[in-house]
C-alpha atoms as a PDB file:
ATOM      1  CA  MET A   1       0.000   0.000   0.000  1.00  0.00           C
ATOM      2  CA  GLN A   2       2.760   2.439   0.951  1.00  0.00           C
ATOM      3  CA  ALA A   3       4.681   1.495  -2.182  1.00  0.00           C
ATOM      4  CA  LYS A   4       1.657   2.338  -4.363  1.00  0.00           C
ATOM      5  CA  MET A   5       1.209   5.696  -2.600  1.00  0.00           C
ATOM      6  CA  ALA A   6       4.901   6.533  -3.042  1.00  0.00           C
ATOM      7  CA  MET A   7       4.720   5.577  -6.721  1.00  0.00           C
ATOM      8  CA  GLY A   8       1.618   7.715  -7.232  1.00  0.00           C
ATOM      9  CA  LEU A   9       3.229  10.674  -5.467  1.00  0.00           C
ATOM     10  CA  ALA A  10       6.350  10.327  -7.616  1.00  0.00           C
ATOM     11  CA  LEU A  11       4.216  10.179 -10.765  1.00  0.00           C
ATOM     12  CA  VAL A  12       2.311  13.340  -9.800  1.00  0.00           C
ATOM     13  CA  THR A  13       5.595  15.133  -9.014  1.00  0.00           C
ATOM     14  CA  CYS A  14       7.095  14.176 -12.378  1.00  0.00           C
ATOM     15  CA  LEU A  15       3.941  15.318 -14.189  1.00  0.00           C
ATOM     16  CA  PHE A  16       3.971  18.688 -12.406  1.00  0.00           C
ATOM     17  CA  ALA A  17       7.690  19.165 -13.123  1.00  0.00           C
ATOM     18  CA  SER A  18       7.227  18.351 -16.811  1.00  0.00           C
ATOM     19  CA  LEU A  19       4.340  20.807 -17.098  1.00  0.00           C
ATOM     20  CA  HIS A  20       6.350  23.517 -15.375  1.00  0.00           C
ATOM     21  CA  PHE A  21       9.351  22.840 -17.628  1.00  0.00           C
ATOM     22  CA  HIS A  22       7.189  22.946 -20.745  1.00  0.00           C
ATOM     23  CA  HIS A  23       5.567  26.208 -19.671  1.00  0.00           C
ATOM     24  CA  SER A  24       8.887  27.828 -18.828  1.00  0.00           C
ATOM     25  CA  TYR A  25      10.861  26.880 -21.928  1.00  0.00           C
ATOM     26  CA  SER A  26       8.317  26.476 -24.690  1.00  0.00           C
ATOM     27  CA  SER A  27       6.602  29.780 -24.047  1.00  0.00           C
ATOM     28  CA  PRO A  28       7.477  32.261 -26.808  1.00  0.00           C
ATOM     29  CA  SER A  29       7.396  35.218 -24.438  1.00  0.00           C
ATOM     30  CA  ARG A  30      10.673  35.872 -22.654  1.00  0.00           C
ATOM     31  CA  PRO A  31      10.999  38.653 -20.090  1.00  0.00           C
ATOM     32  CA  LEU A  32      12.076  41.924 -21.637  1.00  0.00           C
ATOM     33  CA  ILE A  33      15.514  42.458 -20.136  1.00  0.00           C
ATOM     34  CA  GLY A  34      17.553  45.533 -21.006  1.00  0.00           C
ATOM     35  CA  VAL A  35      14.727  47.228 -22.946  1.00  0.00           C
ATOM     36  CA  HIS A  36      13.884  50.910 -22.614  1.00  0.00           C
ATOM     37  CA  PRO A  37      10.252  51.510 -21.488  1.00  0.00           C
ATOM     38  CA  LEU A  38       9.503  53.351 -24.739  1.00  0.00           C
ATOM     39  CA  ASP A  39      10.520  50.261 -26.730  1.00  0.00           C
ATOM     40  CA  VAL A  40       8.341  47.759 -24.841  1.00  0.00           C
ATOM     41  CA  LYS A  41       5.486  48.026 -27.355  1.00  0.00           C
ATOM     42  CA  TYR A  42       7.950  47.502 -30.193  1.00  0.00           C
ATOM     43  CA  TYR A  43       8.613  43.975 -28.914  1.00  0.00           C
ATOM     44  CA  ASP A  44       4.935  43.021 -28.383  1.00  0.00           C
ATOM     45  CA  ALA A  45       4.427  41.588 -31.874  1.00  0.00           C
ATOM     46  CA  GLU A  46       5.120  37.935 -32.672  1.00  0.00           C
ATOM     47  CA  LEU A  47       7.148  38.978 -35.736  1.00  0.00           C
ATOM     48  CA  ILE A  48       9.568  41.762 -34.865  1.00  0.00           C
ATOM     49  CA  LYS A  49      11.494  43.764 -37.420  1.00  0.00           C
ATOM     50  CA  CYS A  50      15.118  44.779 -36.919  1.00  0.00           C
ATOM     51  CA  LYS A  51      15.328  48.531 -36.420  1.00  0.00           C
ATOM     52  CA  ASP A  52      17.747  48.859 -39.312  1.00  0.00           C
ATOM     53  CA  GLY A  53      15.136  47.200 -41.582  1.00  0.00           C
ATOM     54  CA  SER A  54      17.480  44.405 -42.638  1.00  0.00           C
ATOM     55  CA  LYS A  55      15.306  41.449 -41.548  1.00  0.00           C
ATOM     56  CA  SER A  56      12.621  40.236 -39.145  1.00  0.00           C
ATOM     57  CA  PHE A  57      12.687  37.649 -36.359  1.00  0.00           C
ATOM     58  CA  ASN A  58      10.155  35.734 -34.275  1.00  0.00           C
ATOM     59  CA  ARG A  59       9.588  36.813 -30.711  1.00  0.00           C
ATOM     60  CA  ASP A  60      10.954  33.518 -29.368  1.00  0.00           C
ATOM     61  CA  ARG A  61      14.362  34.569 -30.730  1.00  0.00           C
ATOM     62  CA  LEU A  62      14.383  37.677 -28.556  1.00  0.00           C
ATOM     63  CA  ASN A  63      17.275  37.565 -26.047  1.00  0.00           C
ATOM     64  CA  ASP A  64      18.167  34.004 -27.077  1.00  0.00           C
ATOM     65  CA  ASP A  65      21.899  34.841 -26.923  1.00  0.00           C
ATOM     66  CA  PHE A  66      22.232  34.661 -30.716  1.00  0.00           C
ATOM     67  CA  CYS A  67      22.655  37.793 -32.821  1.00  0.00           C
ATOM     68  CA  ASP A  68      20.078  37.855 -35.630  1.00  0.00           C
ATOM     69  CA  CYS A  69      19.993  41.614 -36.302  1.00  0.00           C
ATOM     70  CA  ALA A  70      23.167  43.456 -37.243  1.00  0.00           C
ATOM     71  CA  ASP A  71      22.088  46.409 -35.094  1.00  0.00           C
ATOM     72  CA  GLY A  72      21.386  44.193 -32.052  1.00  0.00           C
ATOM     73  CA  THR A  73      17.613  44.769 -31.972  1.00  0.00           C
ATOM     74  CA  ASP A  74      16.947  41.129 -31.063  1.00  0.00           C
ATOM     75  CA  GLU A  75      19.496  41.041 -28.189  1.00  0.00           C
ATOM     76  CA  PRO A  76      18.905  44.043 -25.920  1.00  0.00           C
ATOM     77  CA  GLY A  77      19.480  41.922 -22.815  1.00  0.00           C
ATOM     78  CA  THR A  78      22.488  39.778 -23.776  1.00  0.00           C
ATOM     79  CA  SER A  79      26.057  40.280 -24.953  1.00  0.00           C
ATOM     80  CA  ALA A  80      25.527  38.392 -28.235  1.00  0.00           C
ATOM     81  CA  CYS A  81      25.464  41.509 -30.444  1.00  0.00           C
ATOM     82  CA  PRO A  82      28.405  43.910 -30.069  1.00  0.00           C
ATOM     83  CA  THR A  83      26.315  46.878 -31.263  1.00  0.00           C
ATOM     84  CA  SER A  84      23.377  46.392 -28.862  1.00  0.00           C
ATOM     85  CA  LYS A  85      22.841  48.470 -25.727  1.00  0.00           C
ATOM     86  CA  PHE A  86      21.519  47.281 -22.346  1.00  0.00           C
ATOM     87  CA  TYR A  87      19.121  49.580 -20.491  1.00  0.00           C
ATOM     88  CA  CYS A  88      19.461  49.876 -16.701  1.00  0.00           C
ATOM     89  CA  LYS A  89      16.216  51.025 -15.082  1.00  0.00           C
ATOM     90  CA  ASN A  90      18.000  52.024 -11.849  1.00  0.00           C
ATOM     91  CA  THR A  91      14.748  52.863 -10.090  1.00  0.00           C
ATOM     92  CA  GLY A  92      15.442  55.602  -7.543  1.00  0.00           C
ATOM     93  CA  SER A  93      18.560  56.741  -9.364  1.00  0.00           C
ATOM     94  CA  THR A  94      19.589  57.715 -12.896  1.00  0.00           C
ATOM     95  CA  PRO A  95      18.792  55.281 -15.749  1.00  0.00           C
ATOM     96  CA  ARG A  96      21.608  54.524 -18.149  1.00  0.00           C
ATOM     97  CA  PHE A  97      22.629  52.469 -21.167  1.00  0.00           C
ATOM     98  CA  LEU A  98      25.500  49.983 -21.145  1.00  0.00           C
ATOM     99  CA  PHE A  99      27.445  48.392 -23.949  1.00  0.00           C
ATOM    100  CA  SER A 100      26.350  44.797 -24.435  1.00  0.00           C
ATOM    101  CA  SER A 101      29.832  43.567 -23.550  1.00  0.00           C
ATOM    102  CA  ARG A 102      29.156  44.551 -19.923  1.00  0.00           C
ATOM    103  CA  VAL A 103      26.170  42.220 -19.556  1.00  0.00           C
ATOM    104  CA  ASN A 104      26.915  39.200 -17.335  1.00  0.00           C
ATOM    105  CA  ASP A 105      30.612  40.056 -17.194  1.00  0.00           C
ATOM    106  CA  GLN A 106      30.713  39.501 -13.404  1.00  0.00           C
ATOM    107  CA  ILE A 107      30.952  43.266 -12.771  1.00  0.00           C
ATOM    108  CA  CYS A 108      27.994  45.179 -11.337  1.00  0.00           C
ATOM    109  CA  ASP A 109      27.552  48.154 -13.654  1.00  0.00           C
ATOM    110  CA  CYS A 110      23.867  48.980 -13.055  1.00  0.00           C
ATOM    111  CA  CYS A 111      23.140  50.169  -9.537  1.00  0.00           C
ATOM    112  CA  ASP A 112      20.096  47.867  -9.475  1.00  0.00           C
ATOM    113  CA  GLY A 113      22.261  44.889 -10.524  1.00  0.00           C
ATOM    114  CA  SER A 114      20.066  44.085 -13.535  1.00  0.00           C
ATOM    115  CA  ASP A 115      23.045  43.638 -15.858  1.00  0.00           C
ATOM    116  CA  GLU A 116      24.208  40.558 -13.900  1.00  0.00           C
ATOM    117  CA  TYR A 117      21.111  38.344 -14.000  1.00  0.00           C
ATOM    118  CA  ASP A 118      22.712  34.967 -14.767  1.00  0.00           C
ATOM    119  CA  GLY A 119      23.398  34.340 -11.062  1.00  0.00           C
ATOM    120  CA  THR A 120      27.185  34.145 -11.368  1.00  0.00           C
ATOM    121  CA  VAL A 121      27.539  37.356  -9.351  1.00  0.00           C
ATOM    122  CA  ILE A 122      25.040  38.640  -6.791  1.00  0.00           C
ATOM    123  CA  CYS A 123      24.746  42.398  -7.238  1.00  0.00           C
ATOM    124  CA  PRO A 124      23.013  44.284  -4.408  1.00  0.00           C
ATOM    125  CA  ASN A 125      20.596  47.024  -5.331  1.00  0.00           C
ATOM    126  CA  ASN A 126      22.494  50.211  -4.504  1.00  0.00           C
ATOM    127  CA  CYS A 127      19.983  52.571  -6.081  1.00  0.00           C
ATOM    128  CA  VAL A 128      18.634  55.071  -3.570  1.00  0.00           C
ATOM    129  CA  MET A 129      14.845  54.979  -3.410  1.00  0.00           C
ATOM    130  CA  GLY A 130      12.999  58.288  -3.532  1.00  0.00           C
ATOM    131  CA  GLY A 131      15.788  60.200  -5.257  1.00  0.00           C
ATOM    132  CA  ASN A 132      16.325  62.562  -2.296  1.00  0.00           C
ATOM    133  CA  ILE A 133      19.848  61.309  -1.607  1.00  0.00           C
ATOM    134  CA  ALA A 134      22.575  61.353  -4.239  1.00  0.00           C
ATOM    135  CA  TYR A 135      23.547  58.006  -5.715  1.00  0.00           C
ATOM    136  CA  GLN A 136      27.091  57.403  -4.504  1.00  0.00           C
ATOM    137  CA  LYS A 137      28.280  54.522  -6.707  1.00  0.00           C
ATOM    138  CA  ILE A 138      31.765  55.318  -8.005  1.00  0.00           C
ATOM    139  CA  ASN A 139      31.870  55.916 -11.734  1.00  0.00           C
ATOM    140  CA  TYR A 140      35.482  56.145 -12.813  1.00  0.00           C
ATOM    141  CA  ASP A 141      34.662  57.184 -16.370  1.00  0.00           C
ATOM    142  CA  LEU A 142      32.572  60.118 -15.188  1.00  0.00           C
ATOM    143  CA  GLU A 143      35.203  61.224 -12.674  1.00  0.00           C
ATOM    144  CA  SER A 144      37.972  61.070 -15.253  1.00  0.00           C
ATOM    145  CA  ASN A 145      35.876  63.089 -17.720  1.00  0.00           C
ATOM    146  CA  LEU A 146      35.181  65.708 -15.068  1.00  0.00           C
ATOM    147  CA  GLU A 147      38.887  65.920 -14.235  1.00  0.00           C
ATOM    148  CA  LEU A 148      39.769  66.326 -17.907  1.00  0.00           C
ATOM    149  CA  ASP A 149      37.155  69.067 -18.312  1.00  0.00           C
ATOM    150  CA  PHE A 150      38.548  70.830 -15.226  1.00  0.00           C
ATOM    151  CA  ILE A 151      42.098  70.671 -16.562  1.00  0.00           C
ATOM    152  CA  LYS A 152      40.996  71.942 -19.966  1.00  0.00           C
ATOM    153  CA  SER A 153      39.073  74.820 -18.403  1.00  0.00           C
ATOM    154  CA  ARG A 154      42.129  75.809 -16.369  1.00  0.00           C
ATOM    155  CA  LYS A 155      44.327  75.747 -19.451  1.00  0.00           C
ATOM    156  CA  THR A 156      41.965  78.060 -21.329  1.00  0.00           C
ATOM    157  CA  LYS A 157      42.011  80.721 -18.603  1.00  0.00           C
ATOM    158  CA  PRO A 158      44.552  83.537 -19.213  1.00  0.00           C
ATOM    159  CA  GLY A 159      47.487  83.998 -16.862  1.00  0.00           C
ATOM    160  CA  ILE A 160      47.564  80.493 -15.363  1.00  0.00           C
ATOM    161  CA  LYS A 161      49.205  78.442 -18.110  1.00  0.00           C
ATOM    162  CA  MET A 162      52.142  76.358 -17.028  1.00  0.00           C
ATOM    163  CA  GLU A 163      54.202  77.468 -20.027  1.00  0.00           C
ATOM    164  CA  ASP A 164      53.743  81.153 -19.227  1.00  0.00           C
ATOM    165  CA  SER A 165      54.624  80.698 -15.571  1.00  0.00           C
ATOM    166  CA  SER A 166      57.769  78.691 -16.426  1.00  0.00           C
ATOM    167  CA  GLN A 167      58.924  81.358 -18.881  1.00  0.00           C
ATOM    168  CA  LYS A 168      58.384  84.078 -16.284  1.00  0.00           C
ATOM    169  CA  LEU A 169      60.339  82.049 -13.757  1.00  0.00           C
ATOM    170  CA  LYS A 170      63.246  81.615 -16.177  1.00  0.00           C
ATOM    171  CA  LYS A 171      63.309  85.349 -16.913  1.00  0.00           C
ATOM    172  CA  GLY A 172      63.306  86.131 -13.207  1.00  0.00           C
ATOM    173  CA  LEU A 173      66.201  83.749 -12.568  1.00  0.00           C
ATOM    174  CA  LYS A 174      68.233  85.280 -15.422  1.00  0.00           C
ATOM    175  CA  SER A 175      67.668  88.769 -14.050  1.00  0.00           C
ATOM    176  CA  LEU A 176      68.776  87.636 -10.601  1.00  0.00           C
ATOM    177  CA  VAL A 177      71.962  86.062 -12.012  1.00  0.00           C
ATOM    178  CA  TYR A 178      72.804  89.231 -13.933  1.00  0.00           C
ATOM    179  CA  LEU A 179      72.232  91.350 -10.828  1.00  0.00           C
ATOM    180  CA  GLN A 180      74.513  89.158  -8.735  1.00  0.00           C
ATOM    181  CA  ALA A 181      77.205  89.233 -11.416  1.00  0.00           C
ATOM    182  CA  GLY A 182      77.010  93.027 -11.569  1.00  0.00           C
ATOM    183  CA  LEU A 183      77.347  93.322  -7.792  1.00  0.00           C
ATOM    184  CA  VAL A 184      80.380  91.023  -7.791  1.00  0.00           C
ATOM    185  CA  ILE A 185      82.030  93.060 -10.556  1.00  0.00           C
ATOM    186  CA  CYS A 186      81.384  96.303  -8.682  1.00  0.00           C
ATOM    187  CA  VAL A 187      82.880  94.921  -5.447  1.00  0.00           C
ATOM    188  CA  LEU A 188      85.968  93.614  -7.260  1.00  0.00           C
ATOM    189  CA  ALA A 189      86.475  96.923  -9.066  1.00  0.00           C
ATOM    190  CA  PHE A 190      86.168  98.850  -5.806  1.00  0.00           C
ATOM    191  CA  CYS A 191      88.725  96.620  -4.104  1.00  0.00           C
ATOM    192  CA  LEU A 192      91.218  96.961  -6.979  1.00  0.00           C
ATOM    193  CA  LEU A 193      90.912 100.737  -7.089  1.00  0.00           C
ATOM    194  CA  ARG A 194      91.412 100.971  -3.335  1.00  0.00           C
ATOM    195  CA  HIS A 195      94.651  98.963  -3.438  1.00  0.00           C
ATOM    196  CA  ARG A 196      96.089 100.945  -6.369  1.00  0.00           C
ATOM    197  CA  THR A 197      95.455 104.400  -4.879  1.00  0.00           C
ATOM    198  CA  PRO A 198      98.883 105.712  -3.481  1.00  0.00           C
ATOM    199  CA  ARG A 199      98.961 106.785   0.106  1.00  0.00           C
ATOM    200  CA  ARG A 200     100.081 110.378   0.728  1.00  0.00           C
ATOM    201  CA  ARG A 201     102.989 110.925   3.060  1.00  0.00           C
ATOM    202  CA  HIS A 202     102.496 113.414   5.784  1.00  0.00           C
ATOM    203  CA  LEU A 203     105.243 116.073   5.978  1.00  0.00           C
ATOM    204  CA  ARG A 204     106.407 117.226   9.377  1.00  0.00           C
END
């Protein structure tokens, strides 16, 4: 009796697992990962056209990790197409686009961690909810660009160029050397004239 119940339970479990597997993998609709909200309707059709107009593809080929469109229309959420861009929602912070090469590269680029969805790396959601506090994730590219802009702005301002200041310093040093040389010559000339001047004898 127990053996029959165990066999029936195992059969029901296998049936449920097979149905779940079929529903998960045979369904043509995949979640829209890396898609901008304005492009969601573009991917609703069963036959989707590449944005460059080169060809069309079925919806089940969306984000299948194979590049069908040259412009990457069919792979907004994978790194299959080198020209595609991944959209980070970053709710509570600033949305941004990433190059497809940064998707699932084991580096958390989006502050919401959506670019690392394969489970290899667990990215915490660092986006600040509400937007009242500045998002403090370090962005080295942005910082370097700001530093370059600052340096360029300083170079364009008159009177603070490094070349001008170095030339002024050189001129000042030359003037100081000439002044010292002149003083030395004057002292030497005075000493020579003093030794050559004959002393007068006092008559009694």
